[in-house]
Amino acid sequence: MTTRVVRFREYGGPDVLRLETVPLSPPAPGEVQIRVKALGLNRAEALLRRGTYIESATFPSGLGLEAAGAVEAVGEGVAGFAPGDAVSVIPPISMVRWPAYGERVTFPADHVVKHPASLSWQEAAAVWMANLTAYGALIDIAKLTKGEFVVVMAASSSVGLAAIQIANAVGAIPIAVTRSSAKKMALFEHGAAHVVASSEEDLAARLREIAGESGVRVVLDPVAGPLFEPLTAAMSPAGMLVEYGGLSDQPTPFPLSAVLSKTLTLRGYLVHEIISSPARLHAAKTFVLDGLASGALRPVIAKTFAFDDIVDAHRYLESNEQMGKIVVTV
């Protein structure tokens, strides 16, 4: 038996991606095989494709972190899943070992979740990376609570929009930061209490105007770069900046004066922290599933592509034009 997958045989731009037909093995003990209906795209996949991700490809390499579909087969020792179940995938620690871009994929059973029936395939494929990342940073690590201001950088990304929803769910006040005012109204519509265009406004001054002299305790940032200085300038004493990326191509200054005078915490974060801890992952899954059931959390789909158009989907991923998640239907 065979299946089609997306692979690449050299690092580079979207054009290195190829659709290939490969043998399909049955699921091993502890694994679940899924007939994929939709894939959620993430920047990590573009980084792996370009050779700048935290893990290296083994050529020919698969890729992909999120999928949703129907269970096709279960391996020995797997309980709780049966053929036909609608499921989605918790992002694996290694997408080289467990790639999601395929018509049929196999994952460890503990990375497979029965998602709410209210979700479409496309929405289910867009749930886990964004929400686990935002939950881990804001709730698990920063302990964000009701009435607190939180700055969400790159707010129009899937993680940014999930962070806005999670902040609202716990009664916090999300301040969305985006580069220009082009997405300002859309961010208000998606739940931001305040929106700041960082290339058009004085970021530190606007944050102080919004949060007052007490400042902002929590900042969630995937950008880094020169904005570290205005961000930390607007933070409260004992505040925490959680960094989960490095999208800026400019050097990141260390804001020594603000860090010392306010005893700030600058905290690096990878979603792997949550995924690799059974107890923390269980708490995160419970929070997200409860939020989906109540309607407090809802994936935002930017655009949908067909599986055969994976190269175009990756081009759009790198365009920075999207608001929310890019999804590929299979």
Protein backbone atom coordinates (compact mmCIF):
# COMPACT_ATOMS: atom_id res chain seq x y z
CA MET A 1 0.00 0.00 0.00
CA THR A 2 1.22 3.52 -0.78
CA THR A 3 0.34 7.09 0.13
CA ARG A 4 1.28 10.57 -1.06
CA VAL A 5 3.41 12.79 1.16
CA VAL A 6 5.21 16.12 0.89
CA ARG A 7 9.00 15.88 1.10
CA PHE A 8 12.07 17.92 0.24
CA ARG A 9 15.57 16.79 -0.70
CA GLU A 10 17.50 20.04 -0.18
CA TYR A 11 17.09 23.22 1.85
CA GLY A 12 15.51 26.20 0.15
CA GLY A 13 12.35 28.12 -0.64
CA PRO A 14 8.84 26.73 -1.21
CA ASP A 15 9.82 25.30 -4.61
CA VAL A 16 11.90 22.54 -2.99
CA LEU A 17 8.70 20.86 -1.75
CA ARG A 18 7.62 17.82 -3.76
CA LEU A 19 4.62 15.50 -3.70
CA GLU A 20 5.94 11.93 -3.62
CA THR A 21 4.36 8.50 -3.39
CA VAL A 22 5.89 6.33 -0.66
CA PRO A 23 5.14 2.90 0.88
CA LEU A 24 2.66 2.98 3.77
CA SER A 25 3.48 0.80 6.74
CA PRO A 26 0.82 -0.28 9.27
CA PRO A 27 0.86 1.48 12.63
CA ALA A 28 3.38 0.10 15.10
CA PRO A 29 2.42 -0.68 18.71
CA GLY A 30 1.25 2.47 20.44
CA GLU A 31 0.57 4.30 17.16
CA VAL A 32 -2.53 5.58 15.39
CA GLN A 33 -2.77 5.88 11.61
CA ILE A 34 -4.89 8.75 10.32
CA ARG A 35 -6.44 9.47 6.93
CA VAL A 36 -5.74 13.20 6.80
CA LYS A 37 -8.48 15.67 5.92
CA ALA A 38 -6.65 18.93 6.67
CA LEU A 39 -3.22 20.25 7.66
CA GLY A 40 -2.38 23.36 9.66
CA LEU A 41 0.73 25.25 8.48
CA ASN A 42 3.29 26.72 10.88
CA ARG A 43 6.36 28.92 10.48
CA ALA A 44 8.43 26.14 12.00
CA GLU A 45 7.86 24.16 8.80
CA ALA A 46 9.26 26.97 6.66
CA LEU A 47 12.26 27.18 9.00
CA LEU A 48 12.90 23.43 8.70
CA ARG A 49 12.58 23.68 4.92
CA ARG A 50 15.17 26.49 4.87
CA GLY A 51 17.53 24.76 7.29
CA THR A 52 17.16 27.26 10.13
CA TYR A 53 14.92 25.29 12.50
CA ILE A 54 15.94 23.87 15.90
CA GLU A 55 16.19 20.41 14.33
CA SER A 56 17.83 19.39 11.06
CA ALA A 57 16.26 17.53 8.16
CA THR A 58 17.33 14.03 7.15
CA PHE A 59 16.92 13.93 3.37
CA PRO A 60 14.57 13.11 1.88
CA SER A 61 12.67 14.81 4.68
CA GLY A 62 9.02 15.08 5.52
CA LEU A 63 7.62 17.97 7.53
CA GLY A 64 4.50 19.25 9.24
CA LEU A 65 3.24 19.59 12.79
CA GLU A 66 -0.58 19.63 12.66
CA ALA A 67 -3.21 17.46 11.04
CA ALA A 68 -6.83 16.46 11.46
CA GLY A 69 -8.61 13.47 10.00
CA ALA A 70 -10.23 10.11 10.61
CA VAL A 71 -8.57 7.18 12.34
CA GLU A 72 -7.82 4.47 9.79
CA ALA A 73 -6.01 1.91 11.93
CA VAL A 74 -4.64 1.51 15.45
CA GLY A 75 -1.52 -0.31 16.55
CA GLU A 76 -1.23 -2.95 19.22
CA GLY A 77 -1.88 -1.70 22.74
CA VAL A 78 -3.80 1.41 21.70
CA ALA A 79 -7.02 1.97 23.62
CA GLY A 80 -9.64 4.67 23.22
CA PHE A 81 -9.47 5.03 19.44
CA ALA A 82 -11.30 3.16 16.70
CA PRO A 83 -11.40 3.44 12.91
CA GLY A 84 -13.57 6.38 11.86
CA ASP A 85 -12.93 8.51 14.95
CA ALA A 86 -12.48 12.21 14.14
CA VAL A 87 -9.12 13.25 15.58
CA SER A 88 -6.48 15.95 15.48
CA VAL A 89 -2.76 15.82 16.25
CA ILE A 90 -0.76 17.38 19.07
CA PRO A 91 2.45 18.74 17.45
CA PRO A 92 5.30 16.26 17.91
CA ILE A 93 8.69 17.12 19.38
CA SER A 94 10.27 16.10 16.05
CA MET A 95 8.46 16.72 12.78
CA VAL A 96 11.28 14.90 10.97
CA ARG A 97 10.38 11.72 12.90
CA TRP A 98 6.61 12.35 12.83
CA PRO A 99 5.80 14.44 9.71
CA ALA A 100 2.19 15.50 9.24
CA TYR A 101 2.19 16.45 5.54
CA GLY A 102 0.65 13.37 3.97
CA GLU A 103 -2.59 11.79 2.85
CA ARG A 104 -2.07 9.19 5.58
CA VAL A 105 0.15 9.76 8.61
CA THR A 106 1.04 7.81 11.73
CA PHE A 107 1.47 9.35 15.18
CA PRO A 108 1.94 8.13 18.75
CA ALA A 109 -1.46 7.61 20.34
CA ASP A 110 -0.67 10.09 23.13
CA HIS A 111 -0.38 12.82 20.47
CA VAL A 112 -3.84 12.12 19.08
CA VAL A 113 -6.96 13.84 20.42
CA LYS A 114 -10.64 13.34 19.72
CA HIS A 115 -11.69 16.88 18.96
CA PRO A 116 -15.15 18.41 19.46
CA ALA A 117 -17.69 17.48 16.77
CA SER A 118 -18.51 21.17 16.39
CA LEU A 119 -15.16 21.76 14.63
CA SER A 120 -14.70 21.41 10.90
CA TRP A 121 -11.66 19.49 9.64
CA GLN A 122 -10.00 22.79 8.80
CA GLU A 123 -10.63 24.22 12.27
CA ALA A 124 -9.46 21.03 13.98
CA ALA A 125 -6.16 21.21 12.05
CA ALA A 126 -5.66 24.75 13.36
CA VAL A 127 -6.23 24.13 17.07
CA TRP A 128 -3.20 22.75 18.80
CA MET A 129 0.00 24.59 17.92
CA ALA A 130 -1.50 28.04 18.38
CA ASN A 131 -3.45 27.29 21.54
CA LEU A 132 -0.80 25.17 23.25
CA THR A 133 1.82 27.85 22.54
CA ALA A 134 -0.34 30.68 23.85
CA TYR A 135 -1.64 28.70 26.84
CA GLY A 136 1.84 27.56 27.85
CA ALA A 137 3.25 31.08 27.78
CA LEU A 138 0.35 32.99 29.30
CA ILE A 139 -1.26 30.55 31.72
CA ASP A 140 1.28 27.84 32.55
CA ILE A 141 4.35 30.10 32.76
CA ALA A 142 3.23 33.72 33.28
CA LYS A 143 0.11 32.87 35.37
CA LEU A 144 -1.91 35.59 33.63
CA THR A 145 -4.97 36.56 35.69
CA LYS A 146 -8.13 38.61 35.52
CA GLY A 147 -7.69 42.36 35.09
CA GLU A 148 -4.02 42.23 33.99
CA PHE A 149 -2.77 43.83 30.80
CA VAL A 150 -0.92 41.53 28.42
CA VAL A 151 0.94 42.63 25.29
CA VAL A 152 0.57 40.26 22.35
CA MET A 153 3.18 40.85 19.65
CA ALA A 154 2.60 39.65 16.06
CA ALA A 155 -1.04 39.66 17.09
CA SER A 156 -2.46 38.71 13.69
CA SER A 157 -0.62 35.36 13.70
CA SER A 158 -2.46 32.20 14.71
CA VAL A 159 -0.65 32.21 18.08
CA GLY A 160 -1.37 35.91 18.54
CA LEU A 161 -5.09 35.45 17.92
CA ALA A 162 -5.17 32.43 20.23
CA ALA A 163 -3.42 34.51 22.90
CA ILE A 164 -6.06 37.24 22.57
CA GLN A 165 -8.81 34.66 23.00
CA ILE A 166 -7.10 33.03 25.99
CA ALA A 167 -6.50 36.41 27.63
CA ASN A 168 -10.17 37.27 27.24
CA ALA A 169 -11.18 33.85 28.55
CA VAL A 170 -9.41 34.50 31.87
CA GLY A 171 -10.55 38.12 32.08
CA ALA A 172 -7.21 39.72 31.19
CA ILE A 173 -6.88 42.73 28.88
CA PRO A 174 -5.10 41.96 25.58
CA ILE A 175 -3.11 44.71 23.89
CA ALA A 176 -2.48 43.60 20.30
CA VAL A 177 0.67 44.88 18.60
CA THR A 178 0.92 44.73 14.81
CA ARG A 179 3.31 46.39 12.40
CA SER A 180 0.86 48.66 10.58
CA SER A 181 -2.71 49.83 11.02
CA ALA A 182 -3.88 47.68 8.07
CA LYS A 183 -5.07 44.89 10.40
CA LYS A 184 -6.18 47.16 13.23
CA MET A 185 -9.95 46.84 12.82
CA ALA A 186 -9.73 43.08 12.26
CA LEU A 187 -7.80 42.71 15.52
CA PHE A 188 -10.49 44.62 17.40
CA GLU A 189 -13.07 42.30 15.81
CA HIS A 190 -11.07 39.30 17.02
CA GLY A 191 -11.13 40.45 20.63
CA ALA A 192 -8.24 42.86 21.19
CA ALA A 193 -9.03 45.49 23.81
CA HIS A 194 -6.35 47.82 22.38
CA VAL A 195 -4.29 47.77 19.17
CA VAL A 196 -0.92 49.43 18.62
CA ALA A 197 0.78 49.75 15.20
CA SER A 198 4.46 49.48 16.10
CA SER A 199 5.81 51.05 12.87
CA GLU A 200 3.45 54.03 13.10
CA GLU A 201 3.33 54.80 16.83
CA ASP A 202 5.74 55.20 19.73
CA LEU A 203 5.32 51.71 21.21
CA ALA A 204 6.54 52.46 24.74
CA ALA A 205 4.50 55.67 24.97
CA ARG A 206 1.32 53.99 23.72
CA LEU A 207 1.70 51.07 26.11
CA ARG A 208 2.21 53.44 29.04
CA GLU A 209 -0.82 55.42 27.92
CA ILE A 210 -2.95 52.26 27.85
CA ALA A 211 -1.66 50.50 30.97
CA GLY A 212 -0.81 53.57 33.06
CA GLU A 213 2.22 54.02 35.26
CA SER A 214 1.86 50.56 36.75
CA GLY A 215 2.81 49.12 33.36
CA VAL A 216 2.28 45.76 31.68
CA ARG A 217 3.25 42.63 33.60
CA VAL A 218 3.17 40.08 30.76
CA VAL A 219 4.49 40.35 27.19
CA LEU A 220 4.22 37.52 24.65
CA ASP A 221 6.66 38.01 21.78
CA PRO A 222 7.86 35.96 18.77
CA VAL A 223 9.77 38.85 17.18
CA ALA A 224 12.67 40.03 19.40
CA GLY A 225 14.94 42.62 17.77
CA PRO A 226 14.99 46.34 18.61
CA LEU A 227 11.45 46.31 20.07
CA PHE A 228 12.82 44.69 23.23
CA GLU A 229 13.76 48.15 24.49
CA PRO A 230 10.35 49.89 24.19
CA LEU A 231 8.60 46.75 25.42
CA THR A 232 10.65 46.46 28.59
CA ALA A 233 10.40 50.21 29.12
CA ALA A 234 6.61 49.83 29.38
CA MET A 235 6.65 46.78 31.67
CA SER A 236 5.78 46.74 35.34
CA PRO A 237 8.18 45.81 38.15
CA ALA A 238 8.71 42.03 38.27
CA GLY A 239 7.13 41.73 34.84
CA MET A 240 7.79 38.82 32.48
CA LEU A 241 8.56 38.88 28.76
CA VAL A 242 8.08 35.45 27.20
CA GLU A 243 10.02 35.06 23.94
CA TYR A 244 8.96 32.16 21.70
CA GLY A 245 10.52 33.12 18.36
CA GLY A 246 13.00 35.39 16.66
CA LEU A 247 11.31 36.77 13.56
CA SER A 248 13.31 39.98 13.50
CA ASP A 249 16.39 39.97 11.27
CA GLN A 250 17.94 42.72 13.41
CA PRO A 251 20.06 42.33 16.54
CA THR A 252 18.22 42.05 19.86
CA PRO A 253 19.62 44.47 22.46
CA PHE A 254 19.69 43.39 26.08
CA PRO A 255 17.71 46.08 27.97
CA LEU A 256 19.99 46.01 31.00
CA SER A 257 18.70 49.16 32.70
CA ALA A 258 15.02 48.09 32.59
CA VAL A 259 15.81 44.50 33.58
CA LEU A 260 17.82 45.59 36.62
CA SER A 261 15.68 48.49 37.78
CA LYS A 262 12.42 46.53 37.46
CA THR A 263 13.78 43.02 38.19
CA LEU A 264 12.24 41.77 34.95
CA THR A 265 12.23 38.18 33.74
CA LEU A 266 13.08 37.59 30.06
CA ARG A 267 11.96 34.02 29.52
CA GLY A 268 12.69 31.85 26.46
CA TYR A 269 9.90 29.39 25.66
CA LEU A 270 9.24 26.49 23.30
CA VAL A 271 5.90 24.71 23.15
CA HIS A 272 7.93 21.49 23.59
CA GLU A 273 7.97 22.32 27.32
CA ILE A 274 4.24 21.65 27.48
CA ILE A 275 4.17 18.78 25.01
CA SER A 276 6.95 16.81 26.72
CA SER A 277 5.36 17.01 30.20
CA PRO A 278 2.34 14.68 30.57
CA ALA A 279 0.92 16.64 33.52
CA ARG A 280 1.31 20.06 31.88
CA LEU A 281 -0.01 18.76 28.55
CA HIS A 282 -3.06 17.26 30.27
CA ALA A 283 -3.83 20.62 31.91
CA ALA A 284 -3.34 22.43 28.59
CA LYS A 285 -5.57 20.01 26.66
CA THR A 286 -8.29 20.35 29.29
CA PHE A 287 -8.13 24.16 29.11
CA VAL A 288 -8.25 24.19 25.30
CA LEU A 289 -11.00 21.59 24.95
CA ASP A 290 -13.10 23.40 27.57
CA GLY A 291 -12.54 26.68 25.69
CA LEU A 292 -13.56 25.11 22.39
CA ALA A 293 -16.67 23.61 23.97
CA SER A 294 -17.72 26.94 25.49
CA GLY A 295 -16.93 28.96 22.39
CA ALA A 296 -14.29 31.06 24.16
CA LEU A 297 -11.67 29.59 21.83
CA ARG A 298 -12.17 29.26 18.08
CA PRO A 299 -9.50 28.78 15.42
CA VAL A 300 -9.22 31.62 12.90
CA ILE A 301 -8.60 30.41 9.34
CA ALA A 302 -6.78 32.85 7.07
CA LYS A 303 -6.86 30.92 3.81
CA THR A 304 -7.27 27.35 2.58
CA PHE A 305 -5.23 25.60 -0.11
CA ALA A 306 -5.48 22.18 -1.75
CA PHE A 307 -2.86 19.52 -0.97
CA ASP A 308 -1.54 19.67 -4.53
CA ASP A 309 -0.94 23.40 -4.04
CA ILE A 310 1.41 23.01 -1.05
CA VAL A 311 4.08 25.17 -2.73
CA ASP A 312 1.62 28.05 -3.10
CA ALA A 313 0.53 27.56 0.51
CA HIS A 314 4.14 27.93 1.67
CA ARG A 315 4.61 31.02 -0.48
CA TYR A 316 1.59 32.54 1.23
CA LEU A 317 2.92 31.45 4.64
CA GLU A 318 6.04 33.55 4.01
CA SER A 319 4.10 36.56 2.68
CA ASN A 320 3.06 37.73 6.18
CA GLU A 321 -0.30 38.74 4.71
CA GLN A 322 -2.43 36.28 6.67
CA MET A 323 -4.68 36.82 9.64
CA GLY A 324 -4.75 33.52 11.48
CA LYS A 325 -3.97 30.00 10.29
CA ILE A 326 -3.23 28.75 6.79
CA VAL A 327 -4.85 25.37 6.21
CA VAL A 328 -4.32 22.76 3.48
CA THR A 329 -7.15 20.35 2.66
CA VAL A 330 -6.33 16.79 1.69
